[in-house]
Amino acid sequence: MSSYPGYIAQQDELRRIRKRETAKIPRKEAAPVYKCPVRVEAVFEKHGEIVPVAIFWSGQRYTVDKIIRVEQPKPFEVGCGGYRYYCTINGRPRNLFVEFNGTIFMWFVVSNTPEPPDWAE
């Protein structure tokens, strides 16, 4: 805190200006996020690494062309406590998630609609 006399009044004025400016900014509502479960063919390497090989959706098999990187997402992003695989499926970049619940592995993709994206497009 500063010792000059007008400091508190100046800070109050800055707060009022910020409040007025932020009130003018239209806020976007966050788009709903849906976790769409998918069936995955994966290989478990001898060192414990899980490598997804293919995704099955609507009776079609879509191959995972390349895994770009694997990381733990922030829990608030998709409510996931597992891993995110940045990969290419049919030549397009996709996010594939896996959650662990004891002995169960749940694989899913995230979509803005209740139906997952069409992998063939």
N, C-alpha and C. Protein backbone atom coordinates (compact mmCIF):
# COMPACT_ATOMS: atom_id res chain seq x y z
N MET A 1 0.85 -1.17 0.00
CA MET A 1 0.00 0.00 0.00
C MET A 1 0.89 1.23 0.00
N SER A 2 0.54 2.19 -0.79
CA SER A 2 1.34 3.40 -0.90
C SER A 2 0.93 4.40 0.19
N SER A 3 1.81 5.35 0.47
CA SER A 3 1.55 6.30 1.56
C SER A 3 0.98 7.64 1.07
N TYR A 4 0.88 7.86 -0.25
CA TYR A 4 0.38 9.16 -0.67
C TYR A 4 -1.14 9.21 -0.53
N PRO A 5 -1.71 10.40 -0.27
CA PRO A 5 -3.11 10.54 0.15
C PRO A 5 -4.16 10.04 -0.85
N GLY A 6 -3.96 10.22 -2.13
CA GLY A 6 -5.00 9.87 -3.10
C GLY A 6 -4.95 8.43 -3.58
N TYR A 7 -4.12 7.61 -2.97
CA TYR A 7 -3.92 6.23 -3.45
C TYR A 7 -5.22 5.41 -3.42
N ILE A 8 -5.91 5.43 -2.28
CA ILE A 8 -7.13 4.61 -2.14
C ILE A 8 -8.20 5.09 -3.10
N ALA A 9 -8.37 6.39 -3.24
CA ALA A 9 -9.37 6.93 -4.17
C ALA A 9 -9.03 6.55 -5.61
N GLN A 10 -7.74 6.58 -5.94
CA GLN A 10 -7.30 6.21 -7.29
C GLN A 10 -7.59 4.73 -7.56
N GLN A 11 -7.31 3.87 -6.59
CA GLN A 11 -7.57 2.45 -6.74
C GLN A 11 -9.07 2.17 -6.89
N ASP A 12 -9.89 2.88 -6.13
CA ASP A 12 -11.35 2.72 -6.25
C ASP A 12 -11.83 3.12 -7.64
N GLU A 13 -11.28 4.21 -8.15
CA GLU A 13 -11.66 4.67 -9.49
C GLU A 13 -11.25 3.64 -10.54
N LEU A 14 -10.05 3.06 -10.42
CA LEU A 14 -9.61 2.03 -11.35
C LEU A 14 -10.52 0.80 -11.30
N ARG A 15 -10.94 0.40 -10.11
CA ARG A 15 -11.86 -0.73 -9.98
C ARG A 15 -13.19 -0.44 -10.68
N ARG A 16 -13.72 0.77 -10.50
CA ARG A 16 -14.99 1.14 -11.17
C ARG A 16 -14.84 1.12 -12.69
N ILE A 17 -13.71 1.61 -13.20
CA ILE A 17 -13.47 1.62 -14.65
C ILE A 17 -13.38 0.18 -15.17
N ARG A 18 -12.62 -0.68 -14.48
CA ARG A 18 -12.50 -2.08 -14.92
C ARG A 18 -13.85 -2.77 -14.92
N LYS A 19 -14.63 -2.52 -13.87
CA LYS A 19 -15.95 -3.15 -13.77
C LYS A 19 -16.83 -2.69 -14.93
N ARG A 20 -16.80 -1.41 -15.25
CA ARG A 20 -17.60 -0.86 -16.34
C ARG A 20 -17.14 -1.43 -17.68
N GLU A 21 -15.82 -1.56 -17.88
CA GLU A 21 -15.29 -2.08 -19.14
C GLU A 21 -15.61 -3.56 -19.32
N THR A 22 -15.49 -4.35 -18.27
CA THR A 22 -15.79 -5.78 -18.40
C THR A 22 -17.27 -6.03 -18.57
N ALA A 23 -18.11 -5.12 -18.09
CA ALA A 23 -19.55 -5.28 -18.27
C ALA A 23 -19.94 -5.12 -19.74
N LYS A 24 -19.15 -4.39 -20.51
CA LYS A 24 -19.44 -4.16 -21.93
C LYS A 24 -19.07 -5.36 -22.79
N ILE A 25 -18.19 -6.22 -22.31
CA ILE A 25 -17.74 -7.36 -23.10
C ILE A 25 -18.80 -8.45 -23.04
N PRO A 26 -19.36 -8.83 -24.20
CA PRO A 26 -20.34 -9.92 -24.16
C PRO A 26 -19.63 -11.23 -23.84
N ARG A 27 -20.17 -11.96 -22.91
CA ARG A 27 -19.56 -13.22 -22.50
C ARG A 27 -20.18 -14.37 -23.27
N LYS A 28 -19.31 -15.22 -23.79
CA LYS A 28 -19.77 -16.39 -24.49
C LYS A 28 -19.99 -17.51 -23.49
N GLU A 29 -21.08 -18.23 -23.69
CA GLU A 29 -21.28 -19.40 -22.85
C GLU A 29 -20.42 -20.52 -23.40
N ALA A 30 -19.87 -21.28 -22.52
CA ALA A 30 -19.03 -22.40 -22.94
C ALA A 30 -19.90 -23.43 -23.66
N ALA A 31 -19.40 -23.91 -24.78
CA ALA A 31 -20.13 -24.93 -25.51
C ALA A 31 -20.16 -26.21 -24.69
N PRO A 32 -21.27 -26.93 -24.70
CA PRO A 32 -21.31 -28.18 -23.93
C PRO A 32 -20.32 -29.18 -24.51
N VAL A 33 -19.73 -29.95 -23.64
CA VAL A 33 -18.75 -30.95 -24.05
C VAL A 33 -19.32 -32.33 -23.73
N TYR A 34 -19.30 -33.20 -24.71
CA TYR A 34 -19.81 -34.55 -24.54
C TYR A 34 -18.66 -35.55 -24.64
N LYS A 35 -18.64 -36.49 -23.73
CA LYS A 35 -17.66 -37.58 -23.79
C LYS A 35 -18.34 -38.73 -24.52
N CYS A 36 -17.88 -39.03 -25.72
CA CYS A 36 -18.46 -40.09 -26.54
C CYS A 36 -17.58 -41.32 -26.47
N PRO A 37 -18.04 -42.39 -25.80
CA PRO A 37 -17.21 -43.59 -25.69
C PRO A 37 -16.99 -44.26 -27.04
N VAL A 38 -15.81 -44.76 -27.27
CA VAL A 38 -15.48 -45.49 -28.50
C VAL A 38 -14.75 -46.77 -28.13
N ARG A 39 -14.86 -47.75 -29.02
CA ARG A 39 -14.12 -49.00 -28.85
C ARG A 39 -12.75 -48.83 -29.48
N VAL A 40 -11.71 -49.24 -28.77
CA VAL A 40 -10.34 -49.02 -29.23
C VAL A 40 -9.57 -50.34 -29.22
N GLU A 41 -8.81 -50.54 -30.28
CA GLU A 41 -7.85 -51.65 -30.32
C GLU A 41 -6.51 -51.06 -29.92
N ALA A 42 -5.92 -51.61 -28.85
CA ALA A 42 -4.67 -51.05 -28.33
C ALA A 42 -3.65 -52.15 -28.09
N VAL A 43 -2.39 -51.75 -28.11
CA VAL A 43 -1.28 -52.66 -27.82
C VAL A 43 -0.66 -52.21 -26.51
N PHE A 44 -0.43 -53.17 -25.61
CA PHE A 44 0.23 -52.89 -24.35
C PHE A 44 1.68 -53.31 -24.48
N GLU A 45 2.57 -52.34 -24.49
CA GLU A 45 3.99 -52.62 -24.63
C GLU A 45 4.55 -53.21 -23.33
N LYS A 46 5.70 -53.85 -23.40
CA LYS A 46 6.25 -54.52 -22.23
C LYS A 46 6.68 -53.55 -21.13
N HIS A 47 6.87 -52.29 -21.46
CA HIS A 47 7.26 -51.30 -20.45
C HIS A 47 6.04 -50.59 -19.85
N GLY A 48 4.83 -51.05 -20.20
CA GLY A 48 3.62 -50.47 -19.64
C GLY A 48 2.96 -49.42 -20.50
N GLU A 49 3.52 -49.10 -21.62
CA GLU A 49 2.96 -48.08 -22.51
C GLU A 49 1.75 -48.64 -23.25
N ILE A 50 0.68 -47.83 -23.34
CA ILE A 50 -0.53 -48.22 -24.06
C ILE A 50 -0.54 -47.48 -25.39
N VAL A 51 -0.62 -48.21 -26.49
CA VAL A 51 -0.57 -47.60 -27.82
C VAL A 51 -1.87 -47.93 -28.55
N PRO A 52 -2.76 -46.93 -28.76
CA PRO A 52 -3.97 -47.21 -29.53
C PRO A 52 -3.63 -47.45 -31.00
N VAL A 53 -4.22 -48.49 -31.56
CA VAL A 53 -3.94 -48.87 -32.95
C VAL A 53 -5.09 -48.50 -33.87
N ALA A 54 -6.34 -48.70 -33.39
CA ALA A 54 -7.51 -48.42 -34.22
C ALA A 54 -8.70 -48.05 -33.34
N ILE A 55 -9.66 -47.36 -33.95
CA ILE A 55 -10.90 -46.97 -33.29
C ILE A 55 -12.05 -47.58 -34.08
N PHE A 56 -13.01 -48.12 -33.38
CA PHE A 56 -14.20 -48.69 -34.02
C PHE A 56 -15.39 -47.81 -33.73
N TRP A 57 -16.06 -47.39 -34.80
CA TRP A 57 -17.25 -46.55 -34.64
C TRP A 57 -18.25 -46.89 -35.73
N SER A 58 -19.46 -47.15 -35.33
CA SER A 58 -20.56 -47.49 -36.26
C SER A 58 -20.16 -48.63 -37.18
N GLY A 59 -19.50 -49.62 -36.65
CA GLY A 59 -19.12 -50.79 -37.44
C GLY A 59 -17.91 -50.58 -38.34
N GLN A 60 -17.33 -49.41 -38.34
CA GLN A 60 -16.16 -49.11 -39.17
C GLN A 60 -14.91 -49.13 -38.31
N ARG A 61 -13.81 -49.54 -38.91
CA ARG A 61 -12.51 -49.53 -38.22
C ARG A 61 -11.67 -48.40 -38.80
N TYR A 62 -11.22 -47.49 -37.94
CA TYR A 62 -10.41 -46.35 -38.36
C TYR A 62 -9.04 -46.47 -37.70
N THR A 63 -8.01 -46.49 -38.50
CA THR A 63 -6.65 -46.69 -37.98
C THR A 63 -6.07 -45.39 -37.44
N VAL A 64 -5.34 -45.54 -36.35
CA VAL A 64 -4.59 -44.41 -35.79
C VAL A 64 -3.29 -44.34 -36.59
N ASP A 65 -3.15 -43.30 -37.42
CA ASP A 65 -1.98 -43.18 -38.29
C ASP A 65 -0.71 -42.89 -37.50
N LYS A 66 -0.81 -41.93 -36.58
CA LYS A 66 0.39 -41.49 -35.86
C LYS A 66 -0.01 -40.90 -34.52
N ILE A 67 0.75 -41.22 -33.48
CA ILE A 67 0.54 -40.60 -32.18
C ILE A 67 1.54 -39.46 -32.07
N ILE A 68 1.03 -38.25 -31.96
CA ILE A 68 1.89 -37.07 -31.91
C ILE A 68 2.46 -36.89 -30.51
N ARG A 69 1.60 -36.93 -29.49
CA ARG A 69 2.08 -36.86 -28.10
C ARG A 69 0.99 -37.35 -27.15
N VAL A 70 1.44 -37.71 -25.96
CA VAL A 70 0.54 -38.20 -24.91
C VAL A 70 0.77 -37.33 -23.69
N GLU A 71 -0.33 -36.85 -23.08
CA GLU A 71 -0.19 -36.02 -21.90
C GLU A 71 -1.39 -36.18 -20.99
N GLN A 72 -1.24 -35.74 -19.75
CA GLN A 72 -2.36 -35.74 -18.82
C GLN A 72 -3.09 -34.41 -18.97
N PRO A 73 -4.39 -34.45 -19.31
CA PRO A 73 -5.12 -33.19 -19.46
C PRO A 73 -5.46 -32.60 -18.09
N LYS A 74 -5.80 -31.33 -18.09
CA LYS A 74 -6.26 -30.70 -16.86
C LYS A 74 -7.62 -31.31 -16.52
N PRO A 75 -7.86 -31.65 -15.27
CA PRO A 75 -9.10 -32.35 -14.92
C PRO A 75 -10.37 -31.59 -15.29
N PHE A 76 -10.35 -30.26 -15.24
CA PHE A 76 -11.56 -29.51 -15.53
C PHE A 76 -11.87 -29.44 -17.02
N GLU A 77 -10.93 -29.80 -17.89
CA GLU A 77 -11.17 -29.71 -19.33
C GLU A 77 -12.29 -30.65 -19.77
N VAL A 78 -12.15 -31.92 -19.44
CA VAL A 78 -13.15 -32.90 -19.87
C VAL A 78 -13.54 -33.84 -18.74
N GLY A 79 -13.14 -33.53 -17.53
CA GLY A 79 -13.45 -34.40 -16.42
C GLY A 79 -12.74 -35.73 -16.53
N CYS A 80 -11.53 -35.68 -17.01
CA CYS A 80 -10.77 -36.91 -17.28
C CYS A 80 -9.60 -37.00 -16.33
N GLY A 81 -9.40 -38.20 -15.76
CA GLY A 81 -8.27 -38.41 -14.89
C GLY A 81 -7.22 -39.29 -15.53
N GLY A 82 -7.33 -39.52 -16.82
CA GLY A 82 -6.41 -40.42 -17.51
C GLY A 82 -5.42 -39.67 -18.38
N TYR A 83 -5.37 -40.05 -19.66
CA TYR A 83 -4.42 -39.47 -20.60
C TYR A 83 -5.11 -39.02 -21.88
N ARG A 84 -4.51 -38.01 -22.50
CA ARG A 84 -4.97 -37.54 -23.80
C ARG A 84 -3.93 -37.92 -24.83
N TYR A 85 -4.39 -38.53 -25.92
CA TYR A 85 -3.51 -38.89 -27.03
C TYR A 85 -3.81 -37.92 -28.16
N TYR A 86 -2.82 -37.08 -28.49
CA TYR A 86 -2.92 -36.26 -29.70
C TYR A 86 -2.47 -37.17 -30.83
N CYS A 87 -3.36 -37.47 -31.75
CA CYS A 87 -3.00 -38.41 -32.82
C CYS A 87 -3.69 -38.01 -34.12
N THR A 88 -3.30 -38.67 -35.20
CA THR A 88 -3.98 -38.47 -36.47
C THR A 88 -4.73 -39.75 -36.79
N ILE A 89 -6.00 -39.58 -37.14
CA ILE A 89 -6.86 -40.69 -37.54
C ILE A 89 -7.40 -40.34 -38.91
N ASN A 90 -7.14 -41.20 -39.88
CA ASN A 90 -7.50 -40.92 -41.27
C ASN A 90 -6.92 -39.60 -41.74
N GLY A 91 -5.72 -39.28 -41.31
CA GLY A 91 -5.03 -38.08 -41.76
C GLY A 91 -5.47 -36.79 -41.09
N ARG A 92 -6.41 -36.86 -40.14
CA ARG A 92 -6.89 -35.65 -39.47
C ARG A 92 -6.50 -35.69 -38.00
N PRO A 93 -6.09 -34.55 -37.44
CA PRO A 93 -5.72 -34.53 -36.03
C PRO A 93 -6.93 -34.73 -35.12
N ARG A 94 -6.79 -35.59 -34.14
CA ARG A 94 -7.88 -35.89 -33.20
C ARG A 94 -7.32 -36.03 -31.79
N ASN A 95 -8.20 -35.83 -30.81
CA ASN A 95 -7.87 -36.08 -29.41
C ASN A 95 -8.59 -37.34 -28.98
N LEU A 96 -7.85 -38.27 -28.43
CA LEU A 96 -8.40 -39.52 -27.94
C LEU A 96 -8.03 -39.61 -26.47
N PHE A 97 -9.02 -39.88 -25.62
CA PHE A 97 -8.80 -39.91 -24.18
C PHE A 97 -8.99 -41.32 -23.64
N VAL A 98 -8.29 -41.62 -22.57
CA VAL A 98 -8.47 -42.89 -21.86
C VAL A 98 -8.51 -42.59 -20.37
N GLU A 99 -9.46 -43.22 -19.68
CA GLU A 99 -9.57 -43.13 -18.23
C GLU A 99 -9.37 -44.52 -17.65
N PHE A 100 -8.77 -44.58 -16.49
CA PHE A 100 -8.55 -45.85 -15.81
C PHE A 100 -9.44 -45.89 -14.57
N ASN A 101 -10.15 -46.98 -14.40
CA ASN A 101 -10.97 -47.16 -13.21
C ASN A 101 -10.73 -48.58 -12.71
N GLY A 102 -9.69 -48.76 -11.95
CA GLY A 102 -9.33 -50.10 -11.51
C GLY A 102 -8.79 -50.90 -12.68
N THR A 103 -9.54 -51.89 -13.13
CA THR A 103 -9.11 -52.70 -14.26
C THR A 103 -9.82 -52.32 -15.55
N ILE A 104 -10.65 -51.31 -15.51
CA ILE A 104 -11.43 -50.89 -16.68
C ILE A 104 -10.77 -49.69 -17.34
N PHE A 105 -10.57 -49.79 -18.65
CA PHE A 105 -10.06 -48.67 -19.45
C PHE A 105 -11.21 -48.14 -20.28
N MET A 106 -11.57 -46.87 -20.09
CA MET A 106 -12.65 -46.27 -20.87
C MET A 106 -12.04 -45.30 -21.87
N TRP A 107 -12.23 -45.56 -23.15
CA TRP A 107 -11.72 -44.70 -24.22
C TRP A 107 -12.86 -43.83 -24.72
N PHE A 108 -12.58 -42.57 -25.00
CA PHE A 108 -13.62 -41.70 -25.53
C PHE A 108 -13.00 -40.55 -26.32
N VAL A 109 -13.84 -39.93 -27.13
CA VAL A 109 -13.49 -38.71 -27.85
C VAL A 109 -14.40 -37.62 -27.31
N VAL A 110 -14.00 -36.38 -27.49
CA VAL A 110 -14.79 -35.25 -27.02
C VAL A 110 -15.41 -34.57 -28.22
N SER A 111 -16.70 -34.24 -28.08
CA SER A 111 -17.42 -33.61 -29.18
C SER A 111 -18.31 -32.51 -28.64
N ASN A 112 -18.70 -31.57 -29.49
CA ASN A 112 -19.64 -30.52 -29.09
C ASN A 112 -21.08 -30.96 -29.28
N THR A 113 -21.28 -32.11 -29.87
CA THR A 113 -22.61 -32.67 -30.05
C THR A 113 -22.65 -34.04 -29.38
N PRO A 114 -23.83 -34.54 -29.06
CA PRO A 114 -23.89 -35.86 -28.43
C PRO A 114 -23.34 -36.98 -29.31
N GLU A 115 -23.34 -36.77 -30.61
CA GLU A 115 -22.78 -37.75 -31.54
C GLU A 115 -21.32 -37.41 -31.79
N PRO A 116 -20.41 -38.40 -31.79
CA PRO A 116 -19.02 -38.09 -32.06
C PRO A 116 -18.81 -37.67 -33.52
N PRO A 117 -17.72 -37.00 -33.80
CA PRO A 117 -17.47 -36.55 -35.17
C PRO A 117 -17.34 -37.73 -36.12
N ASP A 118 -17.67 -37.49 -37.36
CA ASP A 118 -17.56 -38.53 -38.38
C ASP A 118 -16.09 -38.71 -38.70
N TRP A 119 -15.56 -39.89 -38.41
CA TRP A 119 -14.13 -40.14 -38.60
C TRP A 119 -13.75 -40.21 -40.06
N ALA A 120 -14.68 -40.53 -40.91
CA ALA A 120 -14.35 -40.73 -42.32
C ALA A 120 -14.19 -39.41 -43.07
N GLU A 121 -14.71 -38.32 -42.53
CA GLU A 121 -14.64 -37.05 -43.27
C GLU A 121 -13.27 -36.45 -43.22
